[in-house]
């Protein structure tokens, strides 16, 4: 693994959360490389968490600091670096 990006863990997502929601949420902070919402294989609903990979470390840190505790819908997100 080459460390090509900074992985951010996003927890407490609603079951109906789609990838594009996370793209829109993290995009203003900098370059987003990838977004992955973890889904239940049977229902295809979000299991409550996902991952966002950002290109730049400093932008990732600002995104984490800004979005940890952010209310999305009626849920308070927990956002942290994933190592």
PDB file of N, CA and C in Angstrom:
ATOM      1  N   UNK A   1       0.850  -1.188   0.000  1.00  0.00           N
ATOM      2  CA  UNK A   1       0.000   0.000   0.000  1.00  0.00           C
ATOM      3  C   UNK A   1       0.891   1.246   0.000  1.00  0.00           C
ATOM      4  N   UNK A   2       0.566   2.214  -0.824  1.00  0.00           N
ATOM      5  CA  UNK A   2       1.482   3.328  -1.046  1.00  0.00           C
ATOM      6  C   UNK A   2       1.120   4.600  -0.294  1.00  0.00           C
ATOM      7  N   UNK A   3       0.123   4.598   0.545  1.00  0.00           N
ATOM      8  CA  UNK A   3      -0.219   5.819   1.272  1.00  0.00           C
ATOM      9  C   UNK A   3      -0.616   6.951   0.359  1.00  0.00           C
ATOM     10  N   UNK A   4      -1.354   6.626  -0.691  1.00  0.00           N
ATOM     11  CA  UNK A   4      -1.762   7.659  -1.653  1.00  0.00           C
ATOM     12  C   UNK A   4      -3.100   8.247  -1.232  1.00  0.00           C
ATOM     13  N   UNK A   5      -3.082   8.967  -0.124  1.00  0.00           N
ATOM     14  CA  UNK A   5      -4.305   9.593   0.356  1.00  0.00           C
ATOM     15  C   UNK A   5      -4.495   9.344   1.840  1.00  0.00           C
ATOM     16  N   UNK A   6      -5.420  10.081   2.418  1.00  0.00           N
ATOM     17  CA  UNK A   6      -5.681  10.021   3.852  1.00  0.00           C
ATOM     18  C   UNK A   6      -7.095   9.526   4.066  1.00  0.00           C
ATOM     19  N   UNK A   7      -7.226   8.391   4.731  1.00  0.00           N
ATOM     20  CA  UNK A   7      -8.521   7.759   4.927  1.00  0.00           C
ATOM     21  C   UNK A   7      -9.205   8.324   6.166  1.00  0.00           C
ATOM     22  N   UNK A   8     -10.458   8.712   5.997  1.00  0.00           N
ATOM     23  CA  UNK A   8     -11.253   9.287   7.076  1.00  0.00           C
ATOM     24  C   UNK A   8     -12.437   8.360   7.339  1.00  0.00           C
ATOM     25  N   UNK A   9     -12.676   8.059   8.603  1.00  0.00           N
ATOM     26  CA  UNK A   9     -13.768   7.193   9.031  1.00  0.00           C
ATOM     27  C   UNK A   9     -14.953   8.074   9.418  1.00  0.00           C
ATOM     28  N   UNK A  10     -16.123   7.775   8.860  1.00  0.00           N
ATOM     29  CA  UNK A  10     -17.335   8.545   9.140  1.00  0.00           C
ATOM     30  C   UNK A  10     -18.357   7.589   9.744  1.00  0.00           C
ATOM     31  N   UNK A  11     -18.795   7.877  10.974  1.00  0.00           N
ATOM     32  CA  UNK A  11     -19.691   6.987  11.698  1.00  0.00           C
ATOM     33  C   UNK A  11     -21.013   7.685  12.032  1.00  0.00           C
ATOM     34  N   UNK A  12     -22.051   6.893  12.199  1.00  0.00           N
ATOM     35  CA  UNK A  12     -23.408   7.337  12.555  1.00  0.00           C
ATOM     36  C   UNK A  12     -24.156   7.883  11.340  1.00  0.00           C
ATOM     37  N   UNK A  13     -23.929   7.281  10.191  1.00  0.00           N
ATOM     38  CA  UNK A  13     -24.659   7.649   8.979  1.00  0.00           C
ATOM     39  C   UNK A  13     -26.038   6.995   8.989  1.00  0.00           C
ATOM     40  N   UNK A  14     -27.001   7.651   8.374  1.00  0.00           N
ATOM     41  CA  UNK A  14     -28.358   7.109   8.267  1.00  0.00           C
ATOM     42  C   UNK A  14     -28.378   5.941   7.281  1.00  0.00           C
ATOM     43  N   UNK A  15     -29.333   5.004   7.431  1.00  0.00           N
ATOM     44  CA  UNK A  15     -29.409   3.840   6.532  1.00  0.00           C
ATOM     45  C   UNK A  15     -29.556   4.214   5.054  1.00  0.00           C
ATOM     46  N   UNK A  16     -30.154   5.365   4.778  1.00  0.00           N
ATOM     47  CA  UNK A  16     -30.382   5.751   3.378  1.00  0.00           C
ATOM     48  C   UNK A  16     -29.242   6.576   2.780  1.00  0.00           C
ATOM     49  N   UNK A  17     -28.145   6.741   3.513  1.00  0.00           N
ATOM     50  CA  UNK A  17     -27.024   7.550   3.043  1.00  0.00           C
ATOM     51  C   UNK A  17     -26.418   6.972   1.765  1.00  0.00           C
ATOM     52  N   UNK A  18     -26.193   7.841   0.783  1.00  0.00           N
ATOM     53  CA  UNK A  18     -25.569   7.471  -0.487  1.00  0.00           C
ATOM     54  C   UNK A  18     -24.179   8.097  -0.561  1.00  0.00           C
ATOM     55  N   UNK A  19     -23.340   7.547  -1.439  1.00  0.00           N
ATOM     56  CA  UNK A  19     -21.975   8.061  -1.607  1.00  0.00           C
ATOM     57  C   UNK A  19     -21.950   9.548  -1.954  1.00  0.00           C
ATOM     58  N   UNK A  20     -22.885   9.983  -2.803  1.00  0.00           N
ATOM     59  CA  UNK A  20     -22.845  11.389  -3.260  1.00  0.00           C
ATOM     60  C   UNK A  20     -23.019  12.371  -2.103  1.00  0.00           C
ATOM     61  N   UNK A  21     -23.684  11.955  -1.018  1.00  0.00           N
ATOM     62  CA  UNK A  21     -23.834  12.819   0.160  1.00  0.00           C
ATOM     63  C   UNK A  21     -22.466  13.099   0.775  1.00  0.00           C
ATOM     64  N   UNK A  22     -21.634  12.058   0.867  1.00  0.00           N
ATOM     65  CA  UNK A  22     -20.294  12.243   1.447  1.00  0.00           C
ATOM     66  C   UNK A  22     -19.389  13.040   0.509  1.00  0.00           C
ATOM     67  N   UNK A  23     -19.520  12.827  -0.797  1.00  0.00           N
ATOM     68  CA  UNK A  23     -18.756  13.641  -1.757  1.00  0.00           C
ATOM     69  C   UNK A  23     -19.069  15.118  -1.536  1.00  0.00           C
ATOM     70  N   UNK A  24     -20.375  15.436  -1.403  1.00  0.00           N
ATOM     71  CA  UNK A  24     -20.796  16.837  -1.237  1.00  0.00           C
ATOM     72  C   UNK A  24     -20.355  17.397   0.113  1.00  0.00           C
ATOM     73  N   UNK A  25     -20.352  16.550   1.134  1.00  0.00           N
ATOM     74  CA  UNK A  25     -19.985  16.986   2.477  1.00  0.00           C
ATOM     75  C   UNK A  25     -18.497  17.298   2.584  1.00  0.00           C
ATOM     76  N   UNK A  26     -17.661  16.435   1.998  1.00  0.00           N
ATOM     77  CA  UNK A  26     -16.207  16.591   2.133  1.00  0.00           C
ATOM     78  C   UNK A  26     -15.583  17.430   1.016  1.00  0.00           C
ATOM     79  N   UNK A  27     -16.229  17.516  -0.126  1.00  0.00           N
ATOM     80  CA  UNK A  27     -15.694  18.233  -1.283  1.00  0.00           C
ATOM     81  C   UNK A  27     -15.228  19.651  -1.011  1.00  0.00           C
ATOM     82  N   UNK A  28     -16.001  20.448  -0.257  1.00  0.00           N
ATOM     83  CA  UNK A  28     -15.577  21.831  -0.006  1.00  0.00           C
ATOM     84  C   UNK A  28     -14.245  21.956   0.742  1.00  0.00           C
ATOM     85  N   UNK A  29     -13.788  20.893   1.391  1.00  0.00           N
ATOM     86  CA  UNK A  29     -12.552  20.951   2.174  1.00  0.00           C
ATOM     87  C   UNK A  29     -11.316  20.632   1.342  1.00  0.00           C
ATOM     88  N   UNK A  30     -11.509  20.035   0.158  1.00  0.00           N
ATOM     89  CA  UNK A  30     -10.360  19.706  -0.676  1.00  0.00           C
ATOM     90  C   UNK A  30     -10.654  18.538  -1.596  1.00  0.00           C
ATOM     91  N   UNK A  31      -9.591  18.018  -2.206  1.00  0.00           N
ATOM     92  CA  UNK A  31      -9.727  16.957  -3.200  1.00  0.00           C
ATOM     93  C   UNK A  31     -10.093  15.627  -2.536  1.00  0.00           C
ATOM     94  N   UNK A  32     -11.245  15.085  -2.935  1.00  0.00           N
ATOM     95  CA  UNK A  32     -11.683  13.785  -2.452  1.00  0.00           C
ATOM     96  C   UNK A  32     -11.311  12.744  -3.503  1.00  0.00           C
ATOM     97  N   UNK A  33     -10.579  11.715  -3.085  1.00  0.00           N
ATOM     98  CA  UNK A  33     -10.158  10.656  -4.006  1.00  0.00           C
ATOM     99  C   UNK A  33     -11.225   9.591  -4.164  1.00  0.00           C
ATOM    100  N   UNK A  34     -11.804   9.181  -3.039  1.00  0.00           N
ATOM    101  CA  UNK A  34     -12.817   8.127  -3.102  1.00  0.00           C
ATOM    102  C   UNK A  34     -13.734   8.197  -1.896  1.00  0.00           C
ATOM    103  N   UNK A  35     -14.930   7.629  -2.073  1.00  0.00           N
ATOM    104  CA  UNK A  35     -15.917   7.558  -1.012  1.00  0.00           C
ATOM    105  C   UNK A  35     -16.484   6.152  -1.028  1.00  0.00           C
ATOM    106  N   UNK A  36     -16.629   5.551   0.148  1.00  0.00           N
ATOM    107  CA  UNK A  36     -17.216   4.212   0.237  1.00  0.00           C
ATOM    108  C   UNK A  36     -18.174   4.166   1.418  1.00  0.00           C
ATOM    109  N   UNK A  37     -19.464   3.963   1.117  1.00  0.00           N
ATOM    110  CA  UNK A  37     -20.461   3.740   2.156  1.00  0.00           C
ATOM    111  C   UNK A  37     -20.568   2.227   2.331  1.00  0.00           C
ATOM    112  N   UNK A  38     -20.444   1.755   3.568  1.00  0.00           N
ATOM    113  CA  UNK A  38     -20.507   0.323   3.835  1.00  0.00           C
ATOM    114  C   UNK A  38     -21.973  -0.091   3.954  1.00  0.00           C
ATOM    115  N   UNK A  39     -22.350  -1.069   3.119  1.00  0.00           N
ATOM    116  CA  UNK A  39     -23.756  -1.459   3.023  1.00  0.00           C
ATOM    117  C   UNK A  39     -24.001  -2.886   3.505  1.00  0.00           C
ATOM    118  N   UNK A  40     -25.221  -3.103   3.970  1.00  0.00           N
ATOM    119  CA  UNK A  40     -25.683  -4.441   4.298  1.00  0.00           C
ATOM    120  C   UNK A  40     -25.928  -5.179   2.986  1.00  0.00           C
ATOM    121  N   UNK A  41     -25.379  -6.359   2.848  1.00  0.00           N
ATOM    122  CA  UNK A  41     -25.480  -7.089   1.579  1.00  0.00           C
ATOM    123  C   UNK A  41     -26.911  -7.477   1.224  1.00  0.00           C
ATOM    124  N   UNK A  42     -27.763  -7.689   2.238  1.00  0.00           N
ATOM    125  CA  UNK A  42     -29.132  -8.101   1.951  1.00  0.00           C
ATOM    126  C   UNK A  42     -30.068  -6.941   1.651  1.00  0.00           C
ATOM    127  N   UNK A  43     -29.965  -5.883   2.435  1.00  0.00           N
ATOM    128  CA  UNK A  43     -30.902  -4.762   2.262  1.00  0.00           C
ATOM    129  C   UNK A  43     -30.320  -3.647   1.378  1.00  0.00           C
ATOM    130  N   UNK A  44     -29.011  -3.653   1.184  1.00  0.00           N
ATOM    131  CA  UNK A  44     -28.292  -2.599   0.460  1.00  0.00           C
ATOM    132  C   UNK A  44     -28.368  -1.247   1.161  1.00  0.00           C
ATOM    133  N   UNK A  45     -28.759  -1.249   2.426  1.00  0.00           N
ATOM    134  CA  UNK A  45     -28.802  -0.005   3.192  1.00  0.00           C
ATOM    135  C   UNK A  45     -27.457   0.205   3.888  1.00  0.00           C
ATOM    136  N   UNK A  46     -27.139   1.478   4.130  1.00  0.00           N
ATOM    137  CA  UNK A  46     -25.893   1.822   4.816  1.00  0.00           C
ATOM    138  C   UNK A  46     -25.885   1.211   6.213  1.00  0.00           C
ATOM    139  N   UNK A  47     -24.750   0.614   6.584  1.00  0.00           N
ATOM    140  CA  UNK A  47     -24.612   0.012   7.917  1.00  0.00           C
ATOM    141  C   UNK A  47     -24.292   1.050   8.991  1.00  0.00           C
ATOM    142  N   UNK A  48     -24.234   2.305   8.624  1.00  0.00           N
ATOM    143  CA  UNK A  48     -24.001   3.351   9.622  1.00  0.00           C
ATOM    144  C   UNK A  48     -22.631   3.979   9.552  1.00  0.00           C
ATOM    145  N   UNK A  49     -21.791   3.491   8.621  1.00  0.00           N
ATOM    146  CA  UNK A  49     -20.462   4.091   8.527  1.00  0.00           C
ATOM    147  C   UNK A  49     -19.921   4.007   7.103  1.00  0.00           C
ATOM    148  N   UNK A  50     -18.877   4.784   6.883  1.00  0.00           N
ATOM    149  CA  UNK A  50     -18.240   4.795   5.577  1.00  0.00           C
ATOM    150  C   UNK A  50     -16.851   5.401   5.680  1.00  0.00           C
ATOM    151  N   UNK A  51     -16.194   5.460   4.537  1.00  0.00           N
ATOM    152  CA  UNK A  51     -14.825   5.969   4.477  1.00  0.00           C
ATOM    153  C   UNK A  51     -14.707   6.997   3.352  1.00  0.00           C
ATOM    154  N   UNK A  52     -13.940   8.043   3.624  1.00  0.00           N
ATOM    155  CA  UNK A  52     -13.640   9.058   2.618  1.00  0.00           C
ATOM    156  C   UNK A  52     -12.123   9.150   2.537  1.00  0.00           C
ATOM    157  N   UNK A  53     -11.577   9.089   1.335  1.00  0.00           N
ATOM    158  CA  UNK A  53     -10.132   9.257   1.156  1.00  0.00           C
ATOM    159  C   UNK A  53      -9.872  10.604   0.499  1.00  0.00           C
ATOM    160  N   UNK A  54      -9.053  11.407   1.173  1.00  0.00           N
ATOM    161  CA  UNK A  54      -8.694  12.727   0.644  1.00  0.00           C
ATOM    162  C   UNK A  54      -7.221  12.732   0.262  1.00  0.00           C
ATOM    163  N   UNK A  55      -6.881  13.505  -0.758  1.00  0.00           N
ATOM    164  CA  UNK A  55      -5.534  13.549  -1.302  1.00  0.00           C
ATOM    165  C   UNK A  55      -4.547  14.230  -0.360  1.00  0.00           C
ATOM    166  N   UNK A  56      -4.974  15.331   0.248  1.00  0.00           N
ATOM    167  CA  UNK A  56      -4.069  16.192   0.998  1.00  0.00           C
ATOM    168  C   UNK A  56      -4.282  16.046   2.504  1.00  0.00           C
ATOM    169  N   UNK A  57      -3.214  15.820   3.240  1.00  0.00           N
ATOM    170  CA  UNK A  57      -3.295  15.622   4.694  1.00  0.00           C
ATOM    171  C   UNK A  57      -3.915  16.830   5.406  1.00  0.00           C
ATOM    172  N   UNK A  58      -3.427  18.024   5.089  1.00  0.00           N
ATOM    173  CA  UNK A  58      -3.917  19.231   5.771  1.00  0.00           C
ATOM    174  C   UNK A  58      -5.411  19.434   5.532  1.00  0.00           C
ATOM    175  N   UNK A  59      -5.856  19.180   4.304  1.00  0.00           N
ATOM    176  CA  UNK A  59      -7.284  19.310   3.995  1.00  0.00           C
ATOM    177  C   UNK A  59      -8.093  18.260   4.747  1.00  0.00           C
ATOM    178  N   UNK A  60      -7.540  17.061   4.864  1.00  0.00           N
ATOM    179  CA  UNK A  60      -8.218  15.994   5.602  1.00  0.00           C
ATOM    180  C   UNK A  60      -8.372  16.373   7.073  1.00  0.00           C
ATOM    181  N   UNK A  61      -7.337  16.954   7.664  1.00  0.00           N
ATOM    182  CA  UNK A  61      -7.388  17.364   9.075  1.00  0.00           C
ATOM    183  C   UNK A  61      -8.474  18.416   9.278  1.00  0.00           C
ATOM    184  N   UNK A  62      -8.544  19.392   8.387  1.00  0.00           N
ATOM    185  CA  UNK A  62      -9.565  20.439   8.501  1.00  0.00           C
ATOM    186  C   UNK A  62     -10.959  19.842   8.342  1.00  0.00           C
ATOM    187  N   UNK A  63     -11.114  18.915   7.400  1.00  0.00           N
ATOM    188  CA  UNK A  63     -12.406  18.265   7.206  1.00  0.00           C
ATOM    189  C   UNK A  63     -12.833  17.510   8.460  1.00  0.00           C
ATOM    190  N   UNK A  64     -11.895  16.767   9.062  1.00  0.00           N
ATOM    191  CA  UNK A  64     -12.199  16.013  10.286  1.00  0.00           C
ATOM    192  C   UNK A  64     -12.617  16.970  11.405  1.00  0.00           C
ATOM    193  N   UNK A  65     -11.839  18.020  11.598  1.00  0.00           N
ATOM    194  CA  UNK A  65     -12.137  18.975  12.673  1.00  0.00           C
ATOM    195  C   UNK A  65     -13.475  19.673  12.439  1.00  0.00           C
ATOM    196  N   UNK A  66     -13.787  19.956  11.181  1.00  0.00           N
ATOM    197  CA  UNK A  66     -15.018  20.684  10.862  1.00  0.00           C
ATOM    198  C   UNK A  66     -16.256  19.795  10.903  1.00  0.00           C
ATOM    199  N   UNK A  67     -16.114  18.533  10.513  1.00  0.00           N
ATOM    200  CA  UNK A  67     -17.285  17.669  10.361  1.00  0.00           C
ATOM    201  C   UNK A  67     -17.532  16.736  11.541  1.00  0.00           C
ATOM    202  N   UNK A  68     -16.570  16.567  12.429  1.00  0.00           N
ATOM    203  CA  UNK A  68     -16.810  15.752  13.626  1.00  0.00           C
ATOM    204  C   UNK A  68     -17.815  16.500  14.501  1.00  0.00           C
ATOM    205  N   UNK A  69     -18.956  15.861  14.767  1.00  0.00           N
ATOM    206  CA  UNK A  69     -20.021  16.516  15.521  1.00  0.00           C
ATOM    207  C   UNK A  69     -21.029  17.226  14.643  1.00  0.00           C
ATOM    208  N   UNK A  70     -20.816  17.189  13.324  1.00  0.00           N
ATOM    209  CA  UNK A  70     -21.732  17.815  12.366  1.00  0.00           C
ATOM    210  C   UNK A  70     -23.051  17.033  12.336  1.00  0.00           C
ATOM    211  N   UNK A  71     -24.170  17.741  12.279  1.00  0.00           N
ATOM    212  CA  UNK A  71     -25.471  17.082  12.212  1.00  0.00           C
ATOM    213  C   UNK A  71     -25.881  16.906  10.758  1.00  0.00           C
ATOM    214  N   UNK A  72     -26.079  15.661  10.363  1.00  0.00           N
ATOM    215  CA  UNK A  72     -26.521  15.321   9.012  1.00  0.00           C
ATOM    216  C   UNK A  72     -27.869  14.631   9.164  1.00  0.00           C
ATOM    217  N   UNK A  73     -28.927  15.291   8.665  1.00  0.00           N
ATOM    218  CA  UNK A  73     -30.260  14.779   8.927  1.00  0.00           C
ATOM    219  C   UNK A  73     -30.521  14.955  10.417  1.00  0.00           C
ATOM    220  N   UNK A  74     -30.860  13.864  11.101  1.00  0.00           N
ATOM    221  CA  UNK A  74     -31.076  13.954  12.550  1.00  0.00           C
ATOM    222  C   UNK A  74     -29.990  13.194  13.307  1.00  0.00           C
ATOM    223  N   UNK A  75     -28.833  13.011  12.667  1.00  0.00           N
ATOM    224  CA  UNK A  75     -27.740  12.263  13.294  1.00  0.00           C
ATOM    225  C   UNK A  75     -26.502  13.136  13.427  1.00  0.00           C
ATOM    226  N   UNK A  76     -25.812  12.968  14.549  1.00  0.00           N
ATOM    227  CA  UNK A  76     -24.554  13.680  14.774  1.00  0.00           C
ATOM    228  C   UNK A  76     -23.427  12.763  14.331  1.00  0.00           C
ATOM    229  N   UNK A  77     -22.651  13.221  13.347  1.00  0.00           N
ATOM    230  CA  UNK A  77     -21.587  12.386  12.780  1.00  0.00           C
ATOM    231  C   UNK A  77     -20.371  12.338  13.702  1.00  0.00           C
ATOM    232  N   UNK A  78     -19.709  11.187  13.686  1.00  0.00           N
ATOM    233  CA  UNK A  78     -18.398  11.044  14.318  1.00  0.00           C
ATOM    234  C   UNK A  78     -17.395  10.841  13.190  1.00  0.00           C
ATOM    235  N   UNK A  79     -16.469  11.774  13.073  1.00  0.00           N
ATOM    236  CA  UNK A  79     -15.504  11.755  11.964  1.00  0.00           C
ATOM    237  C   UNK A  79     -14.102  11.710  12.559  1.00  0.00           C
ATOM    238  N   UNK A  80     -13.301  10.758  12.113  1.00  0.00           N
ATOM    239  CA  UNK A  80     -11.943  10.637  12.633  1.00  0.00           C
ATOM    240  C   UNK A  80     -11.017  10.055  11.572  1.00  0.00           C
ATOM    241  N   UNK A  81      -9.730  10.213  11.803  1.00  0.00           N
ATOM    242  CA  UNK A  81      -8.784   9.614  10.861  1.00  0.00           C
ATOM    243  C   UNK A  81      -8.778   8.109  11.073  1.00  0.00           C
ATOM    244  N   UNK A  82      -8.585   7.382   9.999  1.00  0.00           N
ATOM    245  CA  UNK A  82      -8.588   5.924  10.053  1.00  0.00           C
ATOM    246  C   UNK A  82      -7.175   5.453   9.781  1.00  0.00           C
ATOM    247  N   UNK A  83      -6.568   4.798  10.778  1.00  0.00           N
ATOM    248  CA  UNK A  83      -5.186   4.354  10.565  1.00  0.00           C
ATOM    249  C   UNK A  83      -5.051   2.879  10.828  1.00  0.00           C
TER     250      UNK A  83
END
